[in-house]
N, C-alpha and C. Protein backbone atom coordinates (compact mmCIF):
# COMPACT_ATOMS: atom_id res chain seq x y z
N MET A 1 0.79 -1.09 -0.21
CA MET A 1 0.27 -0.07 0.00
C MET A 1 1.21 1.37 -0.06
N ILE A 2 0.33 2.26 -0.54
CA ILE A 2 1.58 3.27 -1.13
C ILE A 2 0.77 4.47 -0.23
N THR A 3 1.65 5.22 0.79
CA THR A 3 0.95 6.14 1.94
C THR A 3 0.73 7.43 1.20
N THR A 4 0.17 8.43 1.78
CA THR A 4 -0.26 9.64 0.89
C THR A 4 1.31 10.47 1.23
N HIS A 5 1.91 10.28 2.56
CA HIS A 5 3.52 10.70 2.58
C HIS A 5 4.52 10.48 1.65
N GLN A 6 4.22 8.81 1.33
CA GLN A 6 5.23 8.47 -0.19
C GLN A 6 5.05 9.34 -1.10
N ILE A 7 3.97 9.65 -1.57
CA ILE A 7 3.46 9.67 -2.99
C ILE A 7 3.75 11.59 -2.68
N ARG A 8 3.51 12.22 -1.95
CA ARG A 8 4.32 13.67 -1.61
C ARG A 8 5.75 13.66 -1.76
N ASN A 9 6.27 12.69 -0.97
CA ASN A 9 7.81 12.64 -0.98
C ASN A 9 8.09 12.37 -2.61
N VAL A 10 7.81 11.73 -3.45
CA VAL A 10 7.96 11.59 -4.74
C VAL A 10 8.31 12.52 -5.93
N LEU A 11 6.75 13.20 -5.39
CA LEU A 11 6.62 14.59 -6.13
C LEU A 11 7.14 15.47 -5.90
N LYS A 12 7.40 15.69 -4.51
CA LYS A 12 8.53 16.48 -4.27
C LYS A 12 9.75 16.72 -4.56
N VAL A 13 10.46 15.47 -5.07
CA VAL A 13 11.61 14.98 -5.57
C VAL A 13 11.32 15.44 -6.93
N TYR A 14 10.60 15.17 -7.25
CA TYR A 14 10.28 15.04 -8.82
C TYR A 14 10.55 17.09 -9.52
N GLY A 15 9.98 17.14 -8.80
CA GLY A 15 9.72 18.48 -8.91
C GLY A 15 11.68 19.36 -8.95
N ASP A 16 12.15 19.23 -7.43
CA ASP A 16 12.97 19.44 -7.73
C ASP A 16 14.48 19.18 -8.55
N GLN A 17 14.03 17.78 -9.45
CA GLN A 17 15.01 17.73 -10.51
C GLN A 17 14.20 18.41 -11.21
N LEU A 18 13.14 18.44 -11.38
CA LEU A 18 12.37 19.03 -12.45
C LEU A 18 13.38 20.82 -12.69
N LYS A 19 13.18 21.31 -11.15
CA LYS A 19 13.63 22.58 -11.24
C LYS A 19 15.03 22.97 -11.40
N ARG A 20 15.78 21.67 -11.16
CA ARG A 20 17.56 21.67 -11.60
C ARG A 20 17.74 21.68 -12.98
N ARG A 21 16.64 20.82 -13.32
CA ARG A 21 17.02 20.02 -14.94
C ARG A 21 16.57 21.65 -15.65
N SER A 22 15.77 22.60 -15.32
CA SER A 22 15.29 23.51 -16.05
C SER A 22 16.50 24.84 -15.50
N ALA A 23 16.95 24.49 -14.61
CA ALA A 23 18.67 25.80 -14.21
C ALA A 23 19.81 24.80 -14.93
N LEU A 24 19.87 23.71 -15.16
CA LEU A 24 20.95 23.33 -15.75
C LEU A 24 20.55 23.22 -17.42
N GLU A 25 19.33 23.32 -18.10
CA GLU A 25 19.34 24.29 -19.71
C GLU A 25 19.45 25.23 -19.89
N GLN A 26 18.89 26.31 -18.75
CA GLN A 26 19.11 27.87 -18.69
C GLN A 26 20.54 28.41 -18.69
N ASN A 27 21.18 27.48 -17.98
CA ASN A 27 22.73 27.66 -17.99
C ASN A 27 23.72 27.08 -19.45
N SER A 28 23.17 26.07 -19.73
CA SER A 28 23.85 25.50 -20.67
C SER A 28 22.81 26.63 -22.27
N MET A 29 22.18 26.94 -22.21
CA MET A 29 22.01 28.13 -23.42
C MET A 29 22.50 29.25 -23.33
N GLU A 30 23.14 29.56 -22.23
CA GLU A 30 23.76 31.04 -21.93
C GLU A 30 25.22 31.36 -22.44
N GLY A 31 25.90 29.25 -21.52
CA GLY A 31 27.06 28.90 -22.39
C GLY A 31 27.07 28.35 -23.46
N THR A 32 28.11 27.45 -24.49
CA THR A 32 28.51 26.62 -24.92
C THR A 32 28.53 25.21 -24.05
N GLN A 33 28.66 25.32 -22.93
CA GLN A 33 28.26 24.28 -22.00
C GLN A 33 27.21 23.36 -22.64
N GLN A 34 27.68 21.17 -22.40
CA GLN A 34 26.27 20.67 -22.94
C GLN A 34 25.94 20.43 -21.42
N SER A 35 24.64 20.19 -21.23
CA SER A 35 24.21 19.21 -20.02
C SER A 35 24.53 17.69 -20.42
N THR A 36 24.42 17.13 -19.22
CA THR A 36 24.59 15.75 -19.27
C THR A 36 23.83 15.31 -17.99
N ASP A 37 23.61 13.84 -18.76
CA ASP A 37 22.01 13.22 -17.61
C ASP A 37 23.25 12.77 -16.35
N PHE A 38 21.89 12.34 -15.18
CA PHE A 38 22.77 12.25 -14.17
C PHE A 38 21.75 11.37 -13.50
N VAL A 39 21.82 10.33 -12.42
CA VAL A 39 20.96 9.45 -11.88
C VAL A 39 21.29 9.77 -10.41
N ASP A 40 19.98 10.39 -9.24
CA ASP A 40 20.23 10.46 -8.32
C ASP A 40 20.05 9.42 -7.53
N ILE A 41 20.76 8.43 -6.66
CA ILE A 41 19.67 7.60 -5.97
C ILE A 41 19.63 7.66 -4.57
N SER A 42 18.69 7.96 -3.82
CA SER A 42 18.58 7.42 -2.57
C SER A 42 19.78 6.48 -1.46
N ILE A 43 20.22 7.44 -0.56
CA ILE A 43 20.83 6.45 0.13
C ILE A 43 20.11 4.98 1.03
N GLU A 44 19.14 4.68 1.19
CA GLU A 44 18.59 3.95 1.10
C GLU A 44 18.39 2.49 0.16
N ALA A 45 18.58 3.29 -1.48
CA ALA A 45 18.49 2.35 -2.79
C ALA A 45 20.20 2.15 -2.73
N ARG A 46 21.12 2.95 -2.16
CA ARG A 46 22.71 2.64 -2.17
C ARG A 46 23.04 1.53 -1.16
N ARG A 47 21.84 1.43 -0.31
CA ARG A 47 22.31 1.08 0.66
C ARG A 47 21.96 -0.76 0.00
N LYS A 48 20.58 -0.81 -0.08
CA LYS A 48 20.17 -1.83 -0.72
C LYS A 48 21.21 -2.77 -1.58
N GLN A 49 21.52 -1.90 -2.72
CA GLN A 49 22.34 -1.84 -3.75
C GLN A 49 23.98 -2.36 -2.87
N MET A 50 24.23 -2.26 -2.06
CA MET A 50 25.54 -2.40 -1.54
C MET A 50 25.38 -4.14 -1.13
N LEU A 51 24.52 -3.81 -0.18
CA LEU A 51 23.82 -5.28 0.61
C LEU A 51 23.71 -6.15 -0.42
N ASN A 52 23.20 -5.92 -1.57
CA ASN A 52 22.92 -7.30 -2.71
C ASN A 52 24.14 -7.25 -3.54
N GLN A 53 24.96 -6.38 -3.95
CA GLN A 53 26.10 -6.89 -4.48
C GLN A 53 27.25 -7.41 -3.05
N MET A 54 27.04 -7.30 -2.00
CA MET A 54 28.19 -8.12 -1.16
C MET A 54 27.22 -9.33 -1.16
N SER A 55 26.00 -10.04 -0.88
CA SER A 55 25.55 -11.01 -0.68
C SER A 55 25.74 -11.56 -1.86
N ASP A 56 25.99 -11.06 -2.97
CA ASP A 56 26.38 -12.02 -4.41
C ASP A 56 27.59 -12.22 -4.16
N ASN A 57 28.47 -11.37 -3.56
CA ASN A 57 29.93 -12.02 -3.50
C ASN A 57 30.28 -13.47 -2.76
N LEU A 58 29.49 -12.66 -1.75
CA LEU A 58 29.69 -14.08 -0.50
C LEU A 58 29.11 -15.49 -0.95
N ILE A 59 27.89 -15.49 -1.98
CA ILE A 59 27.47 -16.38 -2.21
C ILE A 59 28.21 -16.98 -2.94
N SER A 60 28.81 -16.32 -4.28
CA SER A 60 29.80 -16.84 -5.05
C SER A 60 31.00 -17.56 -4.44
N GLN A 61 31.38 -17.03 -3.54
CA GLN A 61 32.60 -17.31 -3.15
C GLN A 61 32.06 -18.79 -1.91
N ILE A 62 31.20 -18.62 -1.78
CA ILE A 62 30.64 -19.53 -0.69
C ILE A 62 30.32 -21.07 -1.55
N THR A 63 29.58 -20.93 -2.53
CA THR A 63 29.04 -21.87 -2.73
C THR A 63 29.84 -22.60 -4.15
N PRO A 64 29.87 -23.81 -4.30
CA PRO A 64 30.61 -24.14 -5.36
C PRO A 64 30.20 -23.93 -6.83
N LYS A 65 30.98 -23.85 -7.82
CA LYS A 65 30.67 -23.11 -9.36
C LYS A 65 29.33 -23.92 -10.03
N GLY A 66 29.35 -25.34 -9.93
CA GLY A 66 28.24 -25.88 -9.96
C GLY A 66 27.18 -25.62 -10.09
N HIS A 67 26.75 -25.48 -8.29
CA HIS A 67 25.55 -25.46 -7.61
C HIS A 67 25.03 -23.72 -7.94
N GLN A 68 26.05 -23.04 -8.40
CA GLN A 68 25.73 -21.45 -8.12
C GLN A 68 25.33 -21.24 -9.30
N GLN A 69 25.67 -22.03 -10.72
CA GLN A 69 25.53 -21.99 -12.30
C GLN A 69 23.38 -22.70 -12.06
N LYS A 70 23.35 -23.64 -11.21
CA LYS A 70 22.22 -24.50 -11.33
C LYS A 70 21.21 -23.23 -10.59
N THR A 71 21.44 -22.80 -9.29
CA THR A 71 20.94 -21.60 -8.63
C THR A 71 20.52 -20.44 -9.86
N ASP A 72 21.73 -20.24 -10.93
CA ASP A 72 21.16 -18.90 -11.65
C ASP A 72 20.19 -19.27 -12.24
N GLU A 73 20.97 -20.42 -13.06
CA GLU A 73 19.12 -21.21 -13.68
C GLU A 73 17.71 -21.21 -13.22
N HIS A 74 17.75 -21.55 -12.04
CA HIS A 74 16.59 -21.25 -11.70
C HIS A 74 15.88 -19.76 -11.44
N ASN A 75 16.57 -19.05 -10.71
CA ASN A 75 16.39 -17.86 -10.07
C ASN A 75 15.73 -17.65 -12.08
N SER A 76 16.90 -17.16 -12.91
CA SER A 76 16.47 -16.84 -13.96
C SER A 76 14.85 -17.28 -14.47
N ALA A 77 14.45 -18.18 -14.33
CA ALA A 77 13.52 -18.73 -14.87
C ALA A 77 11.95 -18.57 -13.83
N GLY A 78 12.82 -18.35 -12.68
CA GLY A 78 11.78 -18.12 -11.82
C GLY A 78 10.91 -19.12 -11.43
N ILE A 79 11.95 -20.04 -11.23
CA ILE A 79 11.38 -21.59 -10.59
C ILE A 79 12.26 -21.28 -9.03
N PRO A 80 11.13 -21.62 -7.75
CA PRO A 80 11.94 -21.98 -6.59
C PRO A 80 12.44 -22.63 -6.60
N LEU A 81 13.68 -22.66 -5.51
CA LEU A 81 14.90 -23.46 -4.75
C LEU A 81 14.37 -24.49 -4.09
N LYS A 82 15.01 -25.65 -3.98
CA LYS A 82 14.80 -26.67 -3.30
C LYS A 82 15.54 -27.05 -2.93
N ASP A 83 16.23 -27.39 -2.10
CA ASP A 83 17.38 -28.35 -1.45
C ASP A 83 16.91 -30.03 -0.99
């Protein structure tokens, strides 16, 4: 369930990004500088990404290569793993 608070936060961030984009476009029109695309990732998203990378690294170091390939094949097919 998405709360009103979450929707407001998304709209606020989106509005801020539009303002920054508009400011960048105005600055680039004044000079010969080209604007570049950028990605702004939240702290929580960065944390999740780092945890996923760390867990993937640990799993690849712990499990034998043959078992890891079977696990990857099952996960990509959407089949639940059973031991």
